[in-house]
PDB file of N, CA and C in Angstrom:
ATOM      1  N   MET A   1      13.263  16.664   4.555  1.00  0.00           N
ATOM      2  CA  MET A   1      11.901  16.287   5.588  1.00  0.00           C
ATOM      3  C   MET A   1      11.193  17.597   5.904  1.00  0.00           C
ATOM      4  N   ARG A   2      10.155  17.303   5.823  1.00  0.00           N
ATOM      5  CA  ARG A   2       8.971  18.141   6.247  1.00  0.00           C
ATOM      6  C   ARG A   2       8.878  18.253   7.731  1.00  0.00           C
ATOM      7  N   THR A   3       8.805  19.492   8.347  1.00  0.00           N
ATOM      8  CA  THR A   3       8.285  20.152   9.904  1.00  0.00           C
ATOM      9  C   THR A   3       7.191  19.834  10.157  1.00  0.00           C
ATOM     10  N   PHE A   4       7.045  19.568  11.167  1.00  0.00           N
ATOM     11  CA  PHE A   4       5.389  19.610  11.691  1.00  0.00           C
ATOM     12  C   PHE A   4       5.129  20.097  12.853  1.00  0.00           C
ATOM     13  N   HIS A   5       3.826  20.860  13.221  1.00  0.00           N
ATOM     14  CA  HIS A   5       4.115  21.643  14.248  1.00  0.00           C
ATOM     15  C   HIS A   5       3.236  20.168  15.390  1.00  0.00           C
ATOM     16  N   ILE A   6       3.768  20.393  16.654  1.00  0.00           N
ATOM     17  CA  ILE A   6       2.970  18.899  17.289  1.00  0.00           C
ATOM     18  C   ILE A   6       2.765  19.427  18.530  1.00  0.00           C
ATOM     19  N   GLN A   7       1.873  18.916  18.847  1.00  0.00           N
ATOM     20  CA  GLN A   7       1.305  19.364  20.614  1.00  0.00           C
ATOM     21  C   GLN A   7       1.598  17.759  21.171  1.00  0.00           C
ATOM     22  N   MET A   8       2.866  18.206  21.999  1.00  0.00           N
ATOM     23  CA  MET A   8       2.709  16.915  22.829  1.00  0.00           C
ATOM     24  C   MET A   8       3.377  16.655  24.493  1.00  0.00           C
ATOM     25  N   SER A   9       2.911  15.902  24.405  1.00  0.00           N
ATOM     26  CA  SER A   9       3.007  15.488  26.014  1.00  0.00           C
ATOM     27  C   SER A   9       4.162  15.032  26.068  1.00  0.00           C
ATOM     28  N   GLU A  10       5.184  15.813  27.201  1.00  0.00           N
ATOM     29  CA  GLU A  10       6.706  15.176  27.574  1.00  0.00           C
ATOM     30  C   GLU A  10       6.789  13.723  27.583  1.00  0.00           C
ATOM     31  N   ASP A  11       5.762  13.553  28.645  1.00  0.00           N
ATOM     32  CA  ASP A  11       6.463  11.531  29.168  1.00  0.00           C
ATOM     33  C   ASP A  11       5.543  10.599  28.232  1.00  0.00           C
ATOM     34  N   CYS A  12       4.945  11.134  26.908  1.00  0.00           N
ATOM     35  CA  CYS A  12       4.207  10.150  26.191  1.00  0.00           C
ATOM     36  C   CYS A  12       5.281   9.471  25.365  1.00  0.00           C
ATOM     37  N   LEU A  13       5.237   8.254  25.120  1.00  0.00           N
ATOM     38  CA  LEU A  13       5.999   7.476  24.149  1.00  0.00           C
ATOM     39  C   LEU A  13       5.660   7.923  22.691  1.00  0.00           C
ATOM     40  N   PHE A  14       4.195   7.664  22.492  1.00  0.00           N
ATOM     41  CA  PHE A  14       3.671   8.147  21.112  1.00  0.00           C
ATOM     42  C   PHE A  14       4.028   9.672  20.577  1.00  0.00           C
ATOM     43  N   CYS A  15       4.196  10.808  21.867  1.00  0.00           N
ATOM     44  CA  CYS A  15       4.748  11.958  21.169  1.00  0.00           C
ATOM     45  C   CYS A  15       5.970  12.186  20.696  1.00  0.00           C
ATOM     46  N   LYS A  16       7.108  11.099  21.612  1.00  0.00           N
ATOM     47  CA  LYS A  16       8.240  11.334  21.262  1.00  0.00           C
ATOM     48  C   LYS A  16       8.882  10.893  19.823  1.00  0.00           C
ATOM     49  N   ILE A  17       7.765   9.398  19.414  1.00  0.00           N
ATOM     50  CA  ILE A  17       8.052   9.074  17.767  1.00  0.00           C
ATOM     51  C   ILE A  17       7.058   9.688  17.124  1.00  0.00           C
ATOM     52  N   SER A  18       6.315  10.182  17.344  1.00  0.00           N
ATOM     53  CA  SER A  18       5.566  11.619  16.537  1.00  0.00           C
ATOM     54  C   SER A  18       6.549  12.873  16.162  1.00  0.00           C
ATOM     55  N   ALA A  19       7.294  13.136  17.261  1.00  0.00           N
ATOM     56  CA  ALA A  19       8.418  14.061  17.112  1.00  0.00           C
ATOM     57  C   ALA A  19       9.357  14.165  16.801  1.00  0.00           C
ATOM     58  N   GLY A  20       9.839  12.418  16.481  1.00  0.00           N
ATOM     59  CA  GLY A  20      11.205  12.015  16.368  1.00  0.00           C
ATOM     60  C   GLY A  20      12.234  11.742  16.793  1.00  0.00           C
ATOM     61  N   THR A  21      12.117  11.960  18.074  1.00  0.00           N
ATOM     62  CA  THR A  21      12.860  11.777  19.136  1.00  0.00           C
ATOM     63  C   THR A  21      13.018  10.149  19.521  1.00  0.00           C
ATOM     64  N   ILE A  22      12.387   8.998  19.649  1.00  0.00           N
ATOM     65  CA  ILE A  22      12.344   8.218  19.353  1.00  0.00           C
ATOM     66  C   ILE A  22      12.035   7.469  17.847  1.00  0.00           C
ATOM     67  N   PRO A  23      13.356   6.519  17.832  1.00  0.00           N
ATOM     68  CA  PRO A  23      12.663   6.496  16.336  1.00  0.00           C
ATOM     69  C   PRO A  23      11.757   5.292  15.804  1.00  0.00           C
ATOM     70  N   ALA A  24      11.303   5.187  14.764  1.00  0.00           N
ATOM     71  CA  ALA A  24      10.180   4.390  14.463  1.00  0.00           C
ATOM     72  C   ALA A  24      10.394   4.283  12.673  1.00  0.00           C
ATOM     73  N   LYS A  25       9.810   2.837  12.577  1.00  0.00           N
ATOM     74  CA  LYS A  25       9.331   2.313  10.956  1.00  0.00           C
ATOM     75  C   LYS A  25       8.629   3.136  10.478  1.00  0.00           C
ATOM     76  N   ILE A  26       8.861   4.611   9.884  1.00  0.00           N
ATOM     77  CA  ILE A  26       7.266   5.171   9.790  1.00  0.00           C
ATOM     78  C   ILE A  26       6.587   5.010   8.067  1.00  0.00           C
ATOM     79  N   ALA A  27       5.701   4.496   8.164  1.00  0.00           N
ATOM     80  CA  ALA A  27       5.072   4.226   6.793  1.00  0.00           C
ATOM     81  C   ALA A  27       4.136   5.198   6.263  1.00  0.00           C
ATOM     82  N   TYR A  28       4.165   6.150   6.969  1.00  0.00           N
ATOM     83  CA  TYR A  28       3.316   7.225   6.141  1.00  0.00           C
ATOM     84  C   TYR A  28       3.505   8.352   7.741  1.00  0.00           C
ATOM     85  N   GLN A  29       3.272  10.082   6.985  1.00  0.00           N
ATOM     86  CA  GLN A  29       3.200  10.974   8.251  1.00  0.00           C
ATOM     87  C   GLN A  29       2.261  12.450   7.066  1.00  0.00           C
ATOM     88  N   ASP A  30       1.933  13.311   7.474  1.00  0.00           N
ATOM     89  CA  ASP A  30       1.453  14.216   7.480  1.00  0.00           C
ATOM     90  C   ASP A  30       1.166  15.046   8.579  1.00  0.00           C
ATOM     91  N   GLU A  31       0.062  16.567   8.203  1.00  0.00           N
ATOM     92  CA  GLU A  31       0.425  17.243   9.317  1.00  0.00           C
ATOM     93  C   GLU A  31      -0.303  16.778  10.316  1.00  0.00           C
ATOM     94  N   HIS A  32      -1.590  15.912  10.535  1.00  0.00           N
ATOM     95  CA  HIS A  32      -2.443  15.349  11.405  1.00  0.00           C
ATOM     96  C   HIS A  32      -1.961  14.545  12.098  1.00  0.00           C
ATOM     97  N   CYS A  33      -1.101  13.498  11.649  1.00  0.00           N
ATOM     98  CA  CYS A  33      -0.412  12.088  12.371  1.00  0.00           C
ATOM     99  C   CYS A  33       0.466  11.757  11.924  1.00  0.00           C
ATOM    100  N   VAL A  34       0.923  10.122  12.093  1.00  0.00           N
ATOM    101  CA  VAL A  34       2.039   9.190  11.573  1.00  0.00           C
ATOM    102  C   VAL A  34       1.290   8.492  12.065  1.00  0.00           C
ATOM    103  N   ALA A  35       2.091   7.275  11.247  1.00  0.00           N
ATOM    104  CA  ALA A  35       1.830   5.689  11.211  1.00  0.00           C
ATOM    105  C   ALA A  35       3.068   5.287  11.353  1.00  0.00           C
ATOM    106  N   PHE A  36       3.221   3.822  11.832  1.00  0.00           N
ATOM    107  CA  PHE A  36       4.867   3.425  12.409  1.00  0.00           C
ATOM    108  C   PHE A  36       4.490   2.031  12.514  1.00  0.00           C
ATOM    109  N   HIS A  37       5.317   1.089  12.375  1.00  0.00           N
ATOM    110  CA  HIS A  37       5.236  -0.441  12.405  1.00  0.00           C
ATOM    111  C   HIS A  37       5.351  -0.405  13.938  1.00  0.00           C
ATOM    112  N   ASP A  38       4.498  -1.850  13.840  1.00  0.00           N
ATOM    113  CA  ASP A  38       4.332  -1.781  15.396  1.00  0.00           C
ATOM    114  C   ASP A  38       5.543  -2.521  15.411  1.00  0.00           C
ATOM    115  N   ILE A  39       6.320  -2.795  16.803  1.00  0.00           N
ATOM    116  CA  ILE A  39       7.697  -3.450  17.017  1.00  0.00           C
ATOM    117  C   ILE A  39       6.951  -5.026  17.667  1.00  0.00           C
ATOM    118  N   ASN A  40       5.824  -5.426  17.565  1.00  0.00           N
ATOM    119  CA  ASN A  40       5.165  -6.027  18.356  1.00  0.00           C
ATOM    120  C   ASN A  40       3.894  -6.922  17.109  1.00  0.00           C
ATOM    121  N   PRO A  41       4.249  -6.897  15.908  1.00  0.00           N
ATOM    122  CA  PRO A  41       3.004  -7.011  15.125  1.00  0.00           C
ATOM    123  C   PRO A  41       2.122  -8.542  15.444  1.00  0.00           C
ATOM    124  N   GLN A  42       0.981  -8.050  15.000  1.00  0.00           N
ATOM    125  CA  GLN A  42       0.392  -8.907  15.565  1.00  0.00           C
ATOM    126  C   GLN A  42      -0.333  -9.936  13.901  1.00  0.00           C
ATOM    127  N   ALA A  43       0.200  -9.539  13.152  1.00  0.00           N
ATOM    128  CA  ALA A  43      -0.219  -9.843  11.940  1.00  0.00           C
ATOM    129  C   ALA A  43       0.711  -9.486  10.477  1.00  0.00           C
ATOM    130  N   PRO A  44       0.796  -9.851   9.555  1.00  0.00           N
ATOM    131  CA  PRO A  44       1.694  -9.197   8.507  1.00  0.00           C
ATOM    132  C   PRO A  44       2.019  -7.873   8.629  1.00  0.00           C
ATOM    133  N   VAL A  45       0.846  -7.338   8.589  1.00  0.00           N
ATOM    134  CA  VAL A  45       1.113  -5.863   8.677  1.00  0.00           C
ATOM    135  C   VAL A  45       0.016  -5.740   9.494  1.00  0.00           C
ATOM    136  N   HIS A  46       1.175  -5.142  10.599  1.00  0.00           N
ATOM    137  CA  HIS A  46       0.744  -4.317  11.545  1.00  0.00           C
ATOM    138  C   HIS A  46       1.313  -2.643  12.020  1.00  0.00           C
ATOM    139  N   VAL A  47       0.448  -1.691  11.622  1.00  0.00           N
ATOM    140  CA  VAL A  47       1.081  -0.519  11.594  1.00  0.00           C
ATOM    141  C   VAL A  47      -0.067   0.425  12.704  1.00  0.00           C
ATOM    142  N   LEU A  48       0.328   1.338  13.100  1.00  0.00           N
ATOM    143  CA  LEU A  48      -0.087   2.114  14.162  1.00  0.00           C
ATOM    144  C   LEU A  48      -0.354   3.395  13.666  1.00  0.00           C
ATOM    145  N   VAL A  49      -1.858   3.753  14.014  1.00  0.00           N
ATOM    146  CA  VAL A  49      -1.916   5.243  13.205  1.00  0.00           C
ATOM    147  C   VAL A  49      -1.600   6.484  14.574  1.00  0.00           C
ATOM    148  N   ILE A  50      -1.575   7.378  14.482  1.00  0.00           N
ATOM    149  CA  ILE A  50      -1.158   8.335  15.890  1.00  0.00           C
ATOM    150  C   ILE A  50      -1.635   9.661  15.433  1.00  0.00           C
ATOM    151  N   PRO A  51      -2.354  10.114  16.059  1.00  0.00           N
ATOM    152  CA  PRO A  51      -2.868  11.745  15.744  1.00  0.00           C
ATOM    153  C   PRO A  51      -1.261  12.553  16.283  1.00  0.00           C
ATOM    154  N   ARG A  52      -0.895  13.570  15.808  1.00  0.00           N
ATOM    155  CA  ARG A  52       0.489  14.316  16.187  1.00  0.00           C
ATOM    156  C   ARG A  52      -0.180  14.929  17.424  1.00  0.00           C
ATOM    157  N   LYS A  53      -0.991  15.378  17.695  1.00  0.00           N
ATOM    158  CA  LYS A  53      -1.925  16.078  18.774  1.00  0.00           C
ATOM    159  C   LYS A  53      -2.107  15.252  19.917  1.00  0.00           C
ATOM    160  N   HIS A  54      -1.335  15.501  21.218  1.00  0.00           N
ATOM    161  CA  HIS A  54      -1.358  14.396  22.292  1.00  0.00           C
ATOM    162  C   HIS A  54      -3.229  14.353  22.992  1.00  0.00           C
ATOM    163  N   VAL A  55      -3.567  12.860  22.379  1.00  0.00           N
ATOM    164  CA  VAL A  55      -5.160  12.920  22.435  1.00  0.00           C
ATOM    165  C   VAL A  55      -4.752  11.323  23.338  1.00  0.00           C
ATOM    166  N   PRO A  56      -5.670  11.220  24.405  1.00  0.00           N
ATOM    167  CA  PRO A  56      -5.160  10.132  25.406  1.00  0.00           C
ATOM    168  C   PRO A  56      -6.345   8.845  24.676  1.00  0.00           C
ATOM    169  N   SER A  57      -7.247   9.156  24.295  1.00  0.00           N
ATOM    170  CA  SER A  57      -7.993   8.097  24.457  1.00  0.00           C
ATOM    171  C   SER A  57      -8.771   8.135  22.990  1.00  0.00           C
ATOM    172  N   VAL A  58     -10.226   7.453  21.859  1.00  0.00           N
ATOM    173  CA  VAL A  58     -11.160   7.730  21.188  1.00  0.00           C
ATOM    174  C   VAL A  58     -11.677   8.504  22.096  1.00  0.00           C
ATOM    175  N   ALA A  59     -12.070   8.670  22.959  1.00  0.00           N
ATOM    176  CA  ALA A  59     -12.799   9.207  23.601  1.00  0.00           C
ATOM    177  C   ALA A  59     -13.025  10.852  23.695  1.00  0.00           C
ATOM    178  N   ASP A  60     -11.684  10.692  23.796  1.00  0.00           N
ATOM    179  CA  ASP A  60     -11.344  12.691  23.657  1.00  0.00           C
ATOM    180  C   ASP A  60     -10.884  13.244  22.418  1.00  0.00           C
ATOM    181  N   ILE A  61     -10.942  12.072  21.311  1.00  0.00           N
ATOM    182  CA  ILE A  61     -10.756  12.458  19.776  1.00  0.00           C
ATOM    183  C   ILE A  61     -11.760  13.987  19.582  1.00  0.00           C
ATOM    184  N   PRO A  62     -10.935  15.251  19.009  1.00  0.00           N
ATOM    185  CA  PRO A  62     -11.781  16.094  18.610  1.00  0.00           C
ATOM    186  C   PRO A  62     -11.865  15.851  16.645  1.00  0.00           C
ATOM    187  N   ASP A  63     -13.153  16.139  16.801  1.00  0.00           N
ATOM    188  CA  ASP A  63     -14.097  16.294  15.476  1.00  0.00           C
ATOM    189  C   ASP A  63     -13.383  16.094  14.419  1.00  0.00           C
ATOM    190  N   ASP A  64     -12.190  17.174  14.019  1.00  0.00           N
ATOM    191  CA  ASP A  64     -11.992  17.843  13.028  1.00  0.00           C
ATOM    192  C   ASP A  64     -10.571  16.593  12.919  1.00  0.00           C
ATOM    193  N   LEU A  65     -10.459  15.331  13.848  1.00  0.00           N
ATOM    194  CA  LEU A  65      -8.954  14.545  13.970  1.00  0.00           C
ATOM    195  C   LEU A  65      -9.600  13.267  13.019  1.00  0.00           C
ATOM    196  N   CYS A  66     -10.940  13.060  13.320  1.00  0.00           N
ATOM    197  CA  CYS A  66     -11.461  11.561  12.976  1.00  0.00           C
ATOM    198  C   CYS A  66     -11.244  10.945  11.421  1.00  0.00           C
ATOM    199  N   ALA A  67     -11.859  12.545  10.384  1.00  0.00           N
ATOM    200  CA  ALA A  67     -11.885  12.149   9.003  1.00  0.00           C
ATOM    201  C   ALA A  67     -10.132  11.793   8.734  1.00  0.00           C
ATOM    202  N   PRO A  68      -9.147  13.275   8.910  1.00  0.00           N
ATOM    203  CA  PRO A  68      -7.693  12.761   8.734  1.00  0.00           C
ATOM    204  C   PRO A  68      -7.414  11.576   9.094  1.00  0.00           C
ATOM    205  N   LEU A  69      -7.414  10.978  10.545  1.00  0.00           N
ATOM    206  CA  LEU A  69      -6.804   9.762  11.030  1.00  0.00           C
ATOM    207  C   LEU A  69      -7.552   8.169  10.300  1.00  0.00           C
ATOM    208  N   LEU A  70      -9.088   8.729  10.346  1.00  0.00           N
ATOM    209  CA  LEU A  70      -9.244   7.023   9.293  1.00  0.00           C
ATOM    210  C   LEU A  70      -8.782   6.990   8.106  1.00  0.00           C
ATOM    211  N   SER A  71      -8.625   8.429   7.357  1.00  0.00           N
ATOM    212  CA  SER A  71      -8.009   8.461   5.735  1.00  0.00           C
ATOM    213  C   SER A  71      -6.748   7.833   5.659  1.00  0.00           C
ATOM    214  N   ALA A  72      -5.671   8.472   6.629  1.00  0.00           N
ATOM    215  CA  ALA A  72      -4.475   7.838   6.770  1.00  0.00           C
ATOM    216  C   ALA A  72      -4.514   6.421   7.064  1.00  0.00           C
ATOM    217  N   ALA A  73      -5.423   5.770   7.924  1.00  0.00           N
ATOM    218  CA  ALA A  73      -5.391   4.380   8.283  1.00  0.00           C
ATOM    219  C   ALA A  73      -5.475   3.662   6.919  1.00  0.00           C
ATOM    220  N   ASP A  74      -6.774   4.499   5.840  1.00  0.00           N
ATOM    221  CA  ASP A  74      -6.939   3.802   4.923  1.00  0.00           C
ATOM    222  C   ASP A  74      -6.181   3.552   3.698  1.00  0.00           C
ATOM    223  N   LYS A  75      -5.244   4.989   3.532  1.00  0.00           N
ATOM    224  CA  LYS A  75      -4.001   5.185   2.626  1.00  0.00           C
ATOM    225  C   LYS A  75      -2.607   4.060   2.897  1.00  0.00           C
ATOM    226  N   VAL A  76      -2.588   3.632   4.431  1.00  0.00           N
ATOM    227  CA  VAL A  76      -1.797   2.378   4.914  1.00  0.00           C
ATOM    228  C   VAL A  76      -1.928   1.569   4.291  1.00  0.00           C
ATOM    229  N   ALA A  77      -3.069   0.976   4.532  1.00  0.00           N
ATOM    230  CA  ALA A  77      -3.490  -0.208   4.218  1.00  0.00           C
ATOM    231  C   ALA A  77      -3.612  -0.427   3.026  1.00  0.00           C
ATOM    232  N   ARG A  78      -3.541   0.638   2.078  1.00  0.00           N
ATOM    233  CA  ARG A  78      -3.768   0.532   0.434  1.00  0.00           C
ATOM    234  C   ARG A  78      -2.475   0.363   0.271  1.00  0.00           C
ATOM    235  N   ASP A  79      -1.468   1.577   0.926  1.00  0.00           N
ATOM    236  CA  ASP A  79      -0.058   1.094   0.079  1.00  0.00           C
ATOM    237  C   ASP A  79       0.662   0.130   0.892  1.00  0.00           C
ATOM    238  N   LEU A  80       0.136  -0.592   1.844  1.00  0.00           N
ATOM    239  CA  LEU A  80       1.009  -1.620   2.212  1.00  0.00           C
ATOM    240  C   LEU A  80       0.024  -2.944   1.628  1.00  0.00           C
ATOM    241  N   GLY A  81      -0.409  -2.684   0.479  1.00  0.00           N
ATOM    242  CA  GLY A  81      -0.866  -4.151  -0.124  1.00  0.00           C
ATOM    243  C   GLY A  81      -2.160  -4.455   0.582  1.00  0.00           C
ATOM    244  N   VAL A  82      -2.810  -4.281   1.379  1.00  0.00           N
ATOM    245  CA  VAL A  82      -4.091  -4.926   1.920  1.00  0.00           C
ATOM    246  C   VAL A  82      -5.063  -4.176   2.097  1.00  0.00           C
ATOM    247  N   GLY A  83      -5.150  -3.123   1.483  1.00  0.00           N
ATOM    248  CA  GLY A  83      -6.696  -2.280   0.986  1.00  0.00           C
ATOM    249  C   GLY A  83      -7.787  -2.627   1.087  1.00  0.00           C
ATOM    250  N   GLU A  84      -8.149  -3.953   0.326  1.00  0.00           N
ATOM    251  CA  GLU A  84      -9.109  -4.941   0.225  1.00  0.00           C
ATOM    252  C   GLU A  84      -9.711  -5.408   1.542  1.00  0.00           C
ATOM    253  N   SER A  85      -8.845  -5.907   2.394  1.00  0.00           N
ATOM    254  CA  SER A  85      -9.643  -6.367   3.403  1.00  0.00           C
ATOM    255  C   SER A  85      -8.192  -6.182   4.752  1.00  0.00           C
ATOM    256  N   TYR A  86      -8.758  -5.417   5.387  1.00  0.00           N
ATOM    257  CA  TYR A  86      -7.893  -5.491   6.781  1.00  0.00           C
ATOM    258  C   TYR A  86      -8.636  -4.781   7.881  1.00  0.00           C
ATOM    259  N   ARG A  87      -8.364  -5.226   9.305  1.00  0.00           N
ATOM    260  CA  ARG A  87      -9.059  -4.464  10.280  1.00  0.00           C
ATOM    261  C   ARG A  87      -8.389  -3.490  11.235  1.00  0.00           C
ATOM    262  N   LEU A  88      -9.105  -2.428  11.485  1.00  0.00           N
ATOM    263  CA  LEU A  88      -8.835  -1.061  12.003  1.00  0.00           C
ATOM    264  C   LEU A  88      -9.320  -1.243  13.652  1.00  0.00           C
ATOM    265  N   VAL A  89      -8.575  -1.115  14.370  1.00  0.00           N
ATOM    266  CA  VAL A  89      -9.006  -1.340  15.693  1.00  0.00           C
ATOM    267  C   VAL A  89      -8.303  -0.283  17.036  1.00  0.00           C
ATOM    268  N   THR A  90      -8.978  -0.021  18.118  1.00  0.00           N
ATOM    269  CA  THR A  90      -8.334   1.112  18.612  1.00  0.00           C
ATOM    270  C   THR A  90      -8.905   0.726  20.519  1.00  0.00           C
ATOM    271  N   ASN A  91      -7.901   0.955  21.009  1.00  0.00           N
ATOM    272  CA  ASN A  91      -8.521   0.194  22.376  1.00  0.00           C
ATOM    273  C   ASN A  91      -8.509   1.542  23.277  1.00  0.00           C
ATOM    274  N   LYS A  92      -9.843   1.536  24.053  1.00  0.00           N
ATOM    275  CA  LYS A  92     -10.377   2.493  24.914  1.00  0.00           C
ATOM    276  C   LYS A  92      -9.696   1.835  26.729  1.00  0.00           C
ATOM    277  N   GLY A  93      -8.959   2.456  26.862  1.00  0.00           N
ATOM    278  CA  GLY A  93      -8.600   1.984  28.659  1.00  0.00           C
ATOM    279  C   GLY A  93      -7.664   0.353  28.444  1.00  0.00           C
ATOM    280  N   ALA A  94      -7.359   0.521  30.071  1.00  0.00           N
ATOM    281  CA  ALA A  94      -6.479  -0.463  30.483  1.00  0.00           C
ATOM    282  C   ALA A  94      -7.146  -1.967  30.280  1.00  0.00           C
ATOM    283  N   ASP A  95      -8.358  -2.150  30.671  1.00  0.00           N
ATOM    284  CA  ASP A  95      -9.220  -3.681  30.997  1.00  0.00           C
ATOM    285  C   ASP A  95      -9.489  -3.848  28.820  1.00  0.00           C
ATOM    286  N   ALA A  96      -9.241  -2.904  28.193  1.00  0.00           N
ATOM    287  CA  ALA A  96      -9.849  -2.799  26.503  1.00  0.00           C
ATOM    288  C   ALA A  96      -8.443  -3.561  25.926  1.00  0.00           C
ATOM    289  N   GLY A  97      -7.226  -2.974  26.960  1.00  0.00           N
ATOM    290  CA  GLY A  97      -5.692  -3.620  26.415  1.00  0.00           C
ATOM    291  C   GLY A  97      -5.134  -2.096  25.867  1.00  0.00           C
ATOM    292  N   GLN A  98      -5.410  -1.212  26.116  1.00  0.00           N
ATOM    293  CA  GLN A  98      -4.751   0.282  25.824  1.00  0.00           C
ATOM    294  C   GLN A  98      -3.640  -0.164  26.863  1.00  0.00           C
ATOM    295  N   SER A  99      -2.468   0.257  26.191  1.00  0.00           N
ATOM    296  CA  SER A  99      -1.192   0.202  27.054  1.00  0.00           C
ATOM    297  C   SER A  99      -0.438   1.705  27.346  1.00  0.00           C
ATOM    298  N   VAL A 100      -0.761   2.333  26.099  1.00  0.00           N
ATOM    299  CA  VAL A 100      -0.363   3.720  25.738  1.00  0.00           C
ATOM    300  C   VAL A 100      -1.465   4.367  25.740  1.00  0.00           C
ATOM    301  N   PHE A 101      -1.433   5.896  26.528  1.00  0.00           N
ATOM    302  CA  PHE A 101      -2.554   6.570  26.530  1.00  0.00           C
ATOM    303  C   PHE A 101      -2.155   7.762  25.852  1.00  0.00           C
ATOM    304  N   HIS A 102      -2.392   7.458  24.021  1.00  0.00           N
ATOM    305  CA  HIS A 102      -2.647   8.655  23.256  1.00  0.00           C
ATOM    306  C   HIS A 102      -2.917   7.620  22.485  1.00  0.00           C
ATOM    307  N   LEU A 103      -3.857   8.469  21.584  1.00  0.00           N
ATOM    308  CA  LEU A 103      -4.871   7.392  20.938  1.00  0.00           C
ATOM    309  C   LEU A 103      -4.321   6.693  19.878  1.00  0.00           C
ATOM    310  N   HIS A 104      -4.178   5.553  19.134  1.00  0.00           N
ATOM    311  CA  HIS A 104      -3.708   4.806  17.882  1.00  0.00           C
ATOM    312  C   HIS A 104      -4.563   4.037  17.288  1.00  0.00           C
ATOM    313  N   TRP A 105      -4.845   3.873  16.283  1.00  0.00           N
ATOM    314  CA  TRP A 105      -5.426   2.948  15.292  1.00  0.00           C
ATOM    315  C   TRP A 105      -4.788   1.665  15.190  1.00  0.00           C
ATOM    316  N   HIS A 106      -4.701   0.638  15.539  1.00  0.00           N
ATOM    317  CA  HIS A 106      -3.800  -0.770  14.874  1.00  0.00           C
ATOM    318  C   HIS A 106      -4.460  -0.612  13.119  1.00  0.00           C
ATOM    319  N   VAL A 107      -4.062  -0.944  12.381  1.00  0.00           N
ATOM    320  CA  VAL A 107      -4.227  -1.284  10.875  1.00  0.00           C
ATOM    321  C   VAL A 107      -3.515  -2.895  10.877  1.00  0.00           C
ATOM    322  N   LEU A 108      -4.733  -3.571  11.032  1.00  0.00           N
ATOM    323  CA  LEU A 108      -4.163  -5.256  11.011  1.00  0.00           C
ATOM    324  C   LEU A 108      -4.361  -5.781   9.448  1.00  0.00           C
ATOM    325  N   GLY A 109      -3.574  -6.197   8.655  1.00  0.00           N
ATOM    326  CA  GLY A 109      -4.208  -7.156   7.633  1.00  0.00           C
ATOM    327  C   GLY A 109      -3.107  -8.184   6.855  1.00  0.00           C
ATOM    328  N   GLY A 110      -2.764  -8.583   6.274  1.00  0.00           N
ATOM    329  CA  GLY A 110      -2.000  -9.587   5.698  1.00  0.00           C
ATOM    330  C   GLY A 110      -2.508 -11.286   5.491  1.00  0.00           C
ATOM    331  N   ARG A 111      -3.448 -11.418   6.398  1.00  0.00           N
ATOM    332  CA  ARG A 111      -3.537 -13.139   6.973  1.00  0.00           C
ATOM    333  C   ARG A 111      -5.205 -12.567   7.243  1.00  0.00           C
ATOM    334  N   ARG A 112      -5.603 -14.175   7.296  1.00  0.00           N
ATOM    335  CA  ARG A 112      -6.907 -13.978   7.793  1.00  0.00           C
ATOM    336  C   ARG A 112      -7.239 -14.138   9.072  1.00  0.00           C
ATOM    337  N   LEU A 113      -8.153 -12.957   9.279  1.00  0.00           N
ATOM    338  CA  LEU A 113      -7.977 -12.732  11.209  1.00  0.00           C
ATOM    339  C   LEU A 113      -9.511 -13.488  11.673  1.00  0.00           C
ATOM    340  N   GLY A 114      -9.479 -13.880  13.076  1.00  0.00           N
ATOM    341  CA  GLY A 114     -10.475 -14.222  13.454  1.00  0.00           C
ATOM    342  C   GLY A 114     -11.398 -13.432  13.972  1.00  0.00           C
ATOM    343  N   TRP A 115     -12.249 -14.084  14.857  1.00  0.00           N
ATOM    344  CA  TRP A 115     -12.816 -13.182  15.195  1.00  0.00           C
ATOM    345  C   TRP A 115     -13.906 -14.034  16.435  1.00  0.00           C
ATOM    346  N   PRO A 116     -14.335 -14.270  17.943  1.00  0.00           N
ATOM    347  CA  PRO A 116     -13.833 -12.753  18.112  1.00  0.00           C
ATOM    348  C   PRO A 116     -12.371 -12.249  18.482  1.00  0.00           C
ATOM    349  N   PRO A 117     -11.649 -11.314  18.354  1.00  0.00           N
ATOM    350  CA  PRO A 117     -10.477 -11.196  18.439  1.00  0.00           C
ATOM    351  C   PRO A 117     -10.196 -10.884  19.956  1.00  0.00           C
ATOM    352  N   GLY A 118     -10.703 -10.918  20.894  1.00  0.00           N
ATOM    353  CA  GLY A 118     -10.150 -11.373  22.339  1.00  0.00           C
ATOM    354  C   GLY A 118     -10.174 -12.497  22.844  1.00  0.00           C
TER     355      GLY A 118
END
């Protein structure tokens, strides 16, 4: 198993998942991010892609993390068979539905997704 340097917040659920101290069904990981299956899936494929570094929301993302996270999300979608049609969503703030304040992208697919989403 590869080890990665992690900058984490000690009270953050997703930092703990990234560090491996809380178990998750991992779909993908590299030096920049971890992707894991959502415990309350809203579609047949529902994976969260998170940076290893603690980043509170999309408003705080450093430029050098954007491309690796988006590439990882696309790779996960392709690996899970929804690469031709999937939704990629992030929420910023409680009113938008953000419940864990660690940046995460939802990769949703495997069924027809309605619009508007909310």
